[in-house]
N, C-alpha and C. Protein backbone atom coordinates (compact mmCIF):
# COMPACT_ATOMS: atom_id res chain seq x y z
N MET A 1 157.16 224.22 90.22
CA MET A 1 156.51 224.46 91.50
C MET A 1 156.49 225.96 91.75
N ALA A 2 155.33 226.47 92.14
CA ALA A 2 155.21 227.90 92.44
C ALA A 2 155.74 228.17 93.84
N GLY A 3 156.07 229.42 94.07
CA GLY A 3 156.53 229.83 95.39
C GLY A 3 155.38 229.83 96.39
N LYS A 4 155.68 230.24 97.59
CA LYS A 4 154.70 230.25 98.66
C LYS A 4 154.20 231.67 98.89
N TYR A 5 152.94 231.73 99.29
CA TYR A 5 152.35 233.01 99.65
C TYR A 5 152.66 233.31 101.11
N PHE A 6 152.45 234.56 101.50
CA PHE A 6 152.77 235.03 102.84
C PHE A 6 152.25 234.09 103.92
N GLU A 7 150.99 233.69 103.80
CA GLU A 7 150.37 232.85 104.83
C GLU A 7 150.99 231.46 104.92
N GLN A 8 151.69 231.05 103.88
CA GLN A 8 152.27 229.70 103.83
C GLN A 8 153.66 229.61 104.47
N PHE A 9 154.20 230.75 104.89
CA PHE A 9 155.49 230.76 105.58
C PHE A 9 155.25 230.77 107.09
N SER A 10 156.13 230.09 107.82
CA SER A 10 156.07 230.15 109.28
C SER A 10 157.49 230.37 109.81
N VAL A 11 157.58 231.13 110.88
CA VAL A 11 158.88 231.41 111.49
C VAL A 11 159.52 230.09 111.92
N GLY A 12 160.79 229.93 111.57
CA GLY A 12 161.52 228.70 111.88
C GLY A 12 161.48 227.67 110.77
N GLN A 13 160.64 227.88 109.78
CA GLN A 13 160.54 226.95 108.65
C GLN A 13 161.88 226.91 107.90
N VAL A 14 162.33 225.71 107.54
CA VAL A 14 163.62 225.53 106.87
C VAL A 14 163.39 224.86 105.52
N PHE A 15 164.05 225.39 104.50
CA PHE A 15 164.02 224.83 103.16
C PHE A 15 165.43 224.39 102.78
N GLU A 16 165.61 223.12 102.50
CA GLU A 16 166.89 222.63 101.96
C GLU A 16 166.67 222.47 100.47
N HIS A 17 167.13 223.42 99.70
CA HIS A 17 166.83 223.49 98.28
C HIS A 17 167.57 222.41 97.50
N GLU A 18 166.82 221.74 96.63
CA GLU A 18 167.38 220.61 95.87
C GLU A 18 168.31 221.06 94.75
N ILE A 19 167.97 222.16 94.11
CA ILE A 19 168.76 222.60 92.96
C ILE A 19 170.12 223.08 93.44
N ARG A 20 171.15 222.57 92.78
CA ARG A 20 172.54 223.01 93.04
C ARG A 20 173.10 223.51 91.72
N ARG A 21 174.21 224.22 91.80
CA ARG A 21 174.83 224.71 90.57
C ARG A 21 176.33 224.75 90.72
N THR A 22 177.01 224.21 89.72
CA THR A 22 178.46 224.28 89.66
C THR A 22 178.84 225.59 88.96
N VAL A 23 179.68 226.36 89.60
CA VAL A 23 180.13 227.64 89.08
C VAL A 23 181.26 227.40 88.09
N THR A 24 181.22 228.08 86.97
CA THR A 24 182.28 227.94 85.97
C THR A 24 183.15 229.19 85.92
N LYS A 25 184.31 229.04 85.32
CA LYS A 25 185.19 230.19 85.12
C LYS A 25 184.49 231.23 84.24
N ALA A 26 183.75 230.76 83.25
CA ALA A 26 183.02 231.68 82.37
C ALA A 26 181.97 232.48 83.13
N ASP A 27 181.27 231.84 84.09
CA ASP A 27 180.30 232.58 84.92
C ASP A 27 180.99 233.79 85.56
N ASN A 28 182.12 233.54 86.17
CA ASN A 28 182.84 234.58 86.88
C ASN A 28 183.34 235.68 85.93
N THR A 29 183.91 235.26 84.82
CA THR A 29 184.45 236.23 83.85
C THR A 29 183.32 237.10 83.28
N TRP A 30 182.24 236.46 82.87
CA TRP A 30 181.11 237.21 82.31
C TRP A 30 180.50 238.15 83.35
N PHE A 31 180.33 237.67 84.57
CA PHE A 31 179.74 238.50 85.61
C PHE A 31 180.62 239.72 85.87
N CYS A 32 181.91 239.51 85.98
CA CYS A 32 182.82 240.65 86.19
C CYS A 32 182.76 241.62 85.02
N ALA A 33 182.69 241.10 83.80
CA ALA A 33 182.60 241.97 82.63
C ALA A 33 181.29 242.75 82.63
N MET A 34 180.19 242.08 82.92
CA MET A 34 178.87 242.75 82.89
C MET A 34 178.73 243.80 83.98
N THR A 35 179.46 243.64 85.08
CA THR A 35 179.35 244.60 86.19
C THR A 35 180.54 245.55 86.24
N TYR A 36 181.36 245.53 85.20
CA TYR A 36 182.52 246.42 85.10
C TYR A 36 183.48 246.30 86.28
N ASN A 37 183.67 245.08 86.73
CA ASN A 37 184.58 244.85 87.86
C ASN A 37 185.87 244.22 87.31
N PRO A 38 186.94 245.02 87.15
CA PRO A 38 188.19 244.50 86.60
C PRO A 38 189.19 244.03 87.65
N ALA A 39 188.73 243.74 88.86
CA ALA A 39 189.66 243.36 89.93
C ALA A 39 190.46 242.12 89.53
N GLN A 40 191.78 242.23 89.65
CA GLN A 40 192.67 241.13 89.27
C GLN A 40 192.34 239.83 90.00
N ILE A 41 191.89 239.94 91.24
CA ILE A 41 191.62 238.75 92.05
C ILE A 41 190.53 237.87 91.44
N HIS A 42 189.74 238.44 90.51
CA HIS A 42 188.66 237.69 89.87
C HIS A 42 188.98 237.22 88.45
N ILE A 43 189.85 237.96 87.76
CA ILE A 43 189.97 237.69 86.32
C ILE A 43 191.38 237.46 85.79
N ASP A 44 192.39 237.55 86.64
CA ASP A 44 193.78 237.46 86.17
C ASP A 44 194.46 236.24 86.80
N ASP A 45 194.51 235.15 86.03
CA ASP A 45 195.09 233.90 86.54
C ASP A 45 196.53 234.08 86.98
N GLU A 46 197.32 234.82 86.22
CA GLU A 46 198.74 235.00 86.55
C GLU A 46 198.87 235.74 87.87
N TYR A 47 198.14 236.80 88.03
CA TYR A 47 198.18 237.54 89.29
C TYR A 47 197.75 236.63 90.44
N CYS A 48 196.68 235.90 90.25
CA CYS A 48 196.12 235.07 91.33
C CYS A 48 197.08 233.97 91.78
N ARG A 49 197.96 233.54 90.90
CA ARG A 49 198.95 232.53 91.30
C ARG A 49 199.87 233.06 92.40
N THR A 50 199.99 234.39 92.50
CA THR A 50 200.86 235.00 93.52
C THR A 50 200.13 235.28 94.83
N THR A 51 198.82 234.99 94.89
CA THR A 51 198.03 235.26 96.09
C THR A 51 197.95 234.02 96.98
N GLU A 52 197.43 234.18 98.16
CA GLU A 52 197.27 233.05 99.07
C GLU A 52 196.30 232.01 98.53
N PHE A 53 195.45 232.40 97.58
CA PHE A 53 194.46 231.47 97.03
C PHE A 53 194.99 230.68 95.85
N GLY A 54 195.94 231.26 95.11
CA GLY A 54 196.56 230.56 93.99
C GLY A 54 195.73 230.51 92.72
N LYS A 55 194.51 231.00 92.79
CA LYS A 55 193.62 231.00 91.62
C LYS A 55 192.55 232.07 91.83
N PRO A 56 191.83 232.44 90.76
CA PRO A 56 190.83 233.51 90.88
C PRO A 56 189.69 233.15 91.83
N LEU A 57 189.25 234.16 92.57
CA LEU A 57 188.07 234.03 93.42
C LEU A 57 186.84 234.38 92.58
N VAL A 58 185.76 233.65 92.79
CA VAL A 58 184.50 234.01 92.15
C VAL A 58 184.00 235.29 92.82
N ASN A 59 183.53 236.22 92.02
CA ASN A 59 183.01 237.49 92.49
C ASN A 59 181.94 237.23 93.56
N SER A 60 182.09 237.85 94.71
CA SER A 60 181.18 237.57 95.83
C SER A 60 179.74 237.99 95.55
N ILE A 61 179.55 239.00 94.72
CA ILE A 61 178.18 239.41 94.40
C ILE A 61 177.52 238.36 93.51
N PHE A 62 178.29 237.73 92.64
CA PHE A 62 177.76 236.59 91.87
C PHE A 62 177.36 235.47 92.84
N THR A 63 178.23 235.19 93.80
CA THR A 63 177.94 234.14 94.78
C THR A 63 176.65 234.45 95.52
N LEU A 64 176.49 235.68 95.98
CA LEU A 64 175.28 236.06 96.70
C LEU A 64 174.04 235.88 95.82
N GLY A 65 174.13 236.34 94.58
CA GLY A 65 173.01 236.19 93.66
C GLY A 65 172.66 234.74 93.40
N LEU A 66 173.68 233.90 93.28
CA LEU A 66 173.44 232.48 93.05
C LEU A 66 172.80 231.83 94.26
N VAL A 67 173.33 232.11 95.44
CA VAL A 67 172.77 231.53 96.67
C VAL A 67 171.29 231.89 96.80
N ILE A 68 170.95 233.14 96.55
CA ILE A 68 169.54 233.55 96.62
C ILE A 68 168.75 232.95 95.47
N GLY A 69 169.31 232.98 94.28
CA GLY A 69 168.61 232.43 93.12
C GLY A 69 168.22 230.96 93.29
N LEU A 70 169.09 230.20 93.92
CA LEU A 70 168.80 228.78 94.13
C LEU A 70 167.61 228.55 95.06
N THR A 71 167.20 229.59 95.79
CA THR A 71 166.10 229.47 96.75
C THR A 71 164.75 229.80 96.16
N VAL A 72 164.74 230.50 95.05
CA VAL A 72 163.50 231.09 94.53
C VAL A 72 162.42 230.05 94.21
N GLN A 73 162.78 228.99 93.56
CA GLN A 73 161.77 228.02 93.13
C GLN A 73 160.94 227.50 94.30
N ASP A 74 161.57 227.28 95.43
CA ASP A 74 160.86 226.72 96.59
C ASP A 74 160.18 227.77 97.46
N THR A 75 160.57 229.03 97.33
CA THR A 75 160.08 230.03 98.28
C THR A 75 159.27 231.14 97.64
N THR A 76 159.81 231.86 96.69
CA THR A 76 159.19 233.11 96.26
C THR A 76 158.88 233.20 94.77
N PHE A 77 158.97 232.11 94.05
CA PHE A 77 158.73 232.14 92.60
C PHE A 77 157.27 232.51 92.31
N GLY A 78 157.07 233.67 91.72
CA GLY A 78 155.73 234.10 91.36
C GLY A 78 154.95 234.74 92.48
N THR A 79 155.51 234.81 93.69
CA THR A 79 154.78 235.40 94.81
C THR A 79 155.47 236.64 95.37
N THR A 80 156.66 236.95 94.90
CA THR A 80 157.39 238.12 95.37
C THR A 80 156.89 239.37 94.67
N VAL A 81 156.65 240.41 95.44
CA VAL A 81 156.37 241.72 94.89
C VAL A 81 157.70 242.43 94.65
N ALA A 82 158.58 242.40 95.68
CA ALA A 82 159.88 243.07 95.58
C ALA A 82 160.78 242.63 96.72
N ASN A 83 162.08 242.67 96.47
CA ASN A 83 163.06 242.55 97.55
C ASN A 83 163.15 243.92 98.21
N LEU A 84 163.12 243.94 99.54
CA LEU A 84 163.17 245.21 100.27
C LEU A 84 164.57 245.51 100.80
N GLY A 85 165.39 244.47 100.93
CA GLY A 85 166.74 244.71 101.41
C GLY A 85 167.44 243.41 101.75
N MET A 86 168.74 243.50 101.85
CA MET A 86 169.58 242.38 102.27
C MET A 86 170.55 242.92 103.30
N THR A 87 170.63 242.23 104.43
CA THR A 87 171.50 242.67 105.51
C THR A 87 172.32 241.48 105.99
N ASP A 88 173.26 241.76 106.86
CA ASP A 88 174.08 240.73 107.47
C ASP A 88 174.71 239.80 106.43
N VAL A 89 175.17 240.39 105.34
CA VAL A 89 175.80 239.61 104.27
C VAL A 89 177.22 239.25 104.69
N ARG A 90 177.55 237.98 104.59
CA ARG A 90 178.88 237.49 104.96
C ARG A 90 179.36 236.47 103.94
N PHE A 91 180.68 236.45 103.74
CA PHE A 91 181.32 235.48 102.85
C PHE A 91 182.46 234.82 103.62
N PRO A 92 182.16 233.81 104.45
CA PRO A 92 183.18 233.23 105.31
C PRO A 92 184.26 232.43 104.58
N ARG A 93 183.96 231.96 103.37
CA ARG A 93 184.95 231.22 102.58
C ARG A 93 184.82 231.63 101.12
N PRO A 94 185.91 231.62 100.39
CA PRO A 94 185.82 231.98 98.97
C PRO A 94 185.20 230.86 98.14
N VAL A 95 184.67 231.27 97.00
CA VAL A 95 184.16 230.33 96.00
C VAL A 95 185.10 230.40 94.81
N PHE A 96 185.39 229.22 94.24
CA PHE A 96 186.27 229.10 93.09
C PHE A 96 185.50 228.45 91.94
N ALA A 97 185.99 228.64 90.72
CA ALA A 97 185.43 227.93 89.58
C ALA A 97 185.45 226.43 89.90
N ASP A 98 184.41 225.74 89.50
CA ASP A 98 184.20 224.31 89.70
C ASP A 98 183.64 223.96 91.07
N ASP A 99 183.41 224.94 91.94
CA ASP A 99 182.69 224.67 93.19
C ASP A 99 181.21 224.49 92.87
N THR A 100 180.56 223.59 93.58
CA THR A 100 179.12 223.37 93.44
C THR A 100 178.44 223.95 94.67
N ILE A 101 177.49 224.84 94.42
CA ILE A 101 176.84 225.59 95.49
C ILE A 101 175.41 225.09 95.69
N ARG A 102 175.03 224.95 96.96
CA ARG A 102 173.65 224.64 97.33
C ARG A 102 173.22 225.63 98.40
N SER A 103 171.91 225.79 98.58
CA SER A 103 171.38 226.77 99.52
C SER A 103 170.41 226.16 100.51
N VAL A 104 170.37 226.78 101.68
CA VAL A 104 169.40 226.46 102.72
C VAL A 104 168.79 227.79 103.17
N THR A 105 167.46 227.80 103.31
CA THR A 105 166.75 229.00 103.73
C THR A 105 165.99 228.73 105.02
N THR A 106 166.05 229.69 105.94
CA THR A 106 165.27 229.65 107.18
C THR A 106 164.43 230.91 107.24
N VAL A 107 163.15 230.77 107.57
CA VAL A 107 162.28 231.93 107.76
C VAL A 107 162.55 232.48 109.16
N LEU A 108 163.05 233.71 109.23
CA LEU A 108 163.39 234.32 110.51
C LEU A 108 162.22 235.07 111.14
N GLU A 109 161.47 235.78 110.31
CA GLU A 109 160.32 236.51 110.83
C GLU A 109 159.38 236.85 109.68
N LYS A 110 158.17 237.22 110.05
CA LYS A 110 157.20 237.67 109.06
C LYS A 110 156.24 238.62 109.74
N ARG A 111 155.72 239.56 108.95
CA ARG A 111 154.74 240.50 109.49
C ARG A 111 153.87 241.02 108.35
N GLU A 112 152.70 241.44 108.71
CA GLU A 112 151.79 242.05 107.75
C GLU A 112 152.39 243.38 107.27
N SER A 113 152.14 243.72 106.04
CA SER A 113 152.54 245.05 105.55
C SER A 113 151.58 246.08 106.14
N LYS A 114 152.13 247.21 106.60
CA LYS A 114 151.30 248.27 107.17
C LYS A 114 150.59 249.07 106.08
N SER A 115 151.19 249.12 104.90
CA SER A 115 150.62 249.96 103.84
C SER A 115 149.96 249.15 102.72
N ARG A 116 150.15 247.85 102.71
CA ARG A 116 149.60 247.02 101.64
C ARG A 116 148.88 245.82 102.26
N PRO A 117 147.58 245.89 102.42
CA PRO A 117 146.85 244.83 103.11
C PRO A 117 146.88 243.47 102.40
N ASP A 118 147.20 243.46 101.12
CA ASP A 118 147.24 242.20 100.38
C ASP A 118 148.65 241.60 100.30
N GLN A 119 149.56 242.14 101.12
CA GLN A 119 150.95 241.68 101.10
C GLN A 119 151.54 241.64 102.50
N GLY A 120 152.62 240.89 102.66
CA GLY A 120 153.32 240.82 103.93
C GLY A 120 154.82 240.80 103.70
N ILE A 121 155.58 240.99 104.76
CA ILE A 121 157.05 241.02 104.68
C ILE A 121 157.60 239.79 105.38
N VAL A 122 158.43 239.07 104.66
CA VAL A 122 159.08 237.87 105.21
C VAL A 122 160.58 238.12 105.22
N THR A 123 161.22 237.80 106.34
CA THR A 123 162.68 237.88 106.42
C THR A 123 163.24 236.46 106.37
N PHE A 124 164.08 236.24 105.38
CA PHE A 124 164.71 234.94 105.18
C PHE A 124 166.18 235.02 105.56
N GLN A 125 166.71 233.93 106.08
CA GLN A 125 168.16 233.77 106.16
C GLN A 125 168.53 232.76 105.08
N HIS A 126 169.40 233.18 104.18
CA HIS A 126 169.89 232.29 103.14
C HIS A 126 171.34 231.91 103.47
N GLN A 127 171.65 230.64 103.34
CA GLN A 127 173.01 230.16 103.54
C GLN A 127 173.41 229.38 102.29
N GLY A 128 174.62 229.67 101.80
CA GLY A 128 175.17 228.94 100.67
C GLY A 128 176.31 228.05 101.13
N PHE A 129 176.33 226.84 100.62
CA PHE A 129 177.35 225.86 100.99
C PHE A 129 178.05 225.36 99.74
N ASN A 130 179.35 225.07 99.86
CA ASN A 130 180.06 224.45 98.74
C ASN A 130 179.91 222.93 98.82
N GLN A 131 180.55 222.25 97.90
CA GLN A 131 180.44 220.79 97.80
C GLN A 131 181.01 220.07 99.02
N ASP A 132 181.81 220.75 99.82
CA ASP A 132 182.38 220.16 101.04
C ASP A 132 181.54 220.48 102.28
N GLY A 133 180.39 221.13 102.08
CA GLY A 133 179.53 221.48 103.19
C GLY A 133 179.97 222.72 103.95
N GLN A 134 180.92 223.47 103.41
CA GLN A 134 181.41 224.69 104.07
C GLN A 134 180.52 225.87 103.68
N VAL A 135 180.21 226.70 104.65
CA VAL A 135 179.41 227.90 104.37
C VAL A 135 180.27 228.88 103.58
N VAL A 136 179.74 229.34 102.44
CA VAL A 136 180.46 230.29 101.60
C VAL A 136 179.77 231.65 101.56
N ALA A 137 178.49 231.71 101.94
CA ALA A 137 177.77 232.98 101.94
C ALA A 137 176.55 232.87 102.83
N THR A 138 176.23 233.97 103.51
CA THR A 138 174.99 234.06 104.27
C THR A 138 174.44 235.47 104.14
N CYS A 139 173.12 235.60 104.24
CA CYS A 139 172.50 236.91 104.27
C CYS A 139 171.10 236.80 104.82
N HIS A 140 170.59 237.94 105.27
CA HIS A 140 169.19 238.06 105.62
C HIS A 140 168.55 238.87 104.50
N ARG A 141 167.42 238.40 104.00
CA ARG A 141 166.72 239.08 102.90
C ARG A 141 165.29 239.36 103.32
N GLN A 142 164.88 240.61 103.16
CA GLN A 142 163.50 240.99 103.43
C GLN A 142 162.78 241.10 102.10
N ALA A 143 161.66 240.37 101.99
CA ALA A 143 160.91 240.35 100.74
C ALA A 143 159.45 240.67 101.00
N LEU A 144 158.88 241.45 100.10
CA LEU A 144 157.46 241.75 100.12
C LEU A 144 156.76 240.66 99.32
N ILE A 145 155.85 239.94 99.97
CA ILE A 145 155.25 238.73 99.40
C ILE A 145 153.74 238.90 99.30
N HIS A 146 153.17 238.45 98.19
CA HIS A 146 151.72 238.46 98.02
C HIS A 146 151.05 237.54 99.04
N LYS A 147 149.87 237.93 99.46
CA LYS A 147 149.02 237.04 100.24
C LYS A 147 148.17 236.22 99.27
N ILE A 148 147.60 235.15 99.77
CA ILE A 148 146.72 234.33 98.95
C ILE A 148 145.49 235.16 98.62
N GLU A 149 145.16 235.19 97.36
CA GLU A 149 143.98 235.95 96.95
C GLU A 149 142.74 235.14 97.29
N VAL A 150 141.85 235.76 98.01
CA VAL A 150 140.59 235.12 98.34
C VAL A 150 139.51 235.80 97.51
N LYS A 151 138.98 235.06 96.58
CA LYS A 151 137.95 235.62 95.72
C LYS A 151 136.61 235.02 96.13
N GLU A 152 135.64 235.89 96.23
CA GLU A 152 134.31 235.39 96.56
C GLU A 152 133.78 234.57 95.40
N GLN A 153 133.18 233.46 95.74
CA GLN A 153 132.56 232.62 94.72
C GLN A 153 131.25 233.28 94.29
N GLN A 154 131.12 233.51 93.03
CA GLN A 154 129.89 234.06 92.50
C GLN A 154 128.96 232.89 92.17
N PRO A 155 127.68 233.03 92.51
CA PRO A 155 126.77 231.92 92.19
C PRO A 155 126.67 231.76 90.68
N VAL A 156 126.64 230.53 90.26
CA VAL A 156 126.50 230.22 88.84
C VAL A 156 125.02 230.30 88.48
N THR A 157 124.74 231.11 87.49
CA THR A 157 123.35 231.20 87.05
C THR A 157 123.26 230.80 85.60
N ALA A 158 122.23 230.09 85.31
CA ALA A 158 122.02 229.64 83.92
C ALA A 158 121.22 230.69 83.17
N THR A 159 121.64 230.95 81.98
CA THR A 159 120.88 231.86 81.15
C THR A 159 120.35 231.08 79.97
N VAL A 160 119.18 231.45 79.57
CA VAL A 160 118.56 230.75 78.44
C VAL A 160 118.50 231.65 77.25
């Protein structure tokens, strides 16, 4: 399924995304390695046993990326020009290996682009939930979205 064009979004529209993903320990380890984040709280099981959590926390930036990624198929797949920013990012609960994450998106606002007449800006609120229905991440994302291309129909002429 392709994403939606600017005109297809409306303020207040809610998407409950079907795709979910279970986070693995390997996801967290690889993400921390790829981003050069050696924080013990993410990668050191022995250290984490001494913390209030008792086990490694999934890197919050991985969580944010996953929460947004789960939304793409229903919202912006193939229609995004660029992400313009993310604000109001919150992580009210930690994510652990073996948690299953799902996302819900609400369209907060939209406006025409002032400099690009064939594009518009949509502000989304993304919320990530774990398998127990607890919010684990939220953010507002501003995205530059293509408008529906309107092409003039050219008359069909027969040539002999």
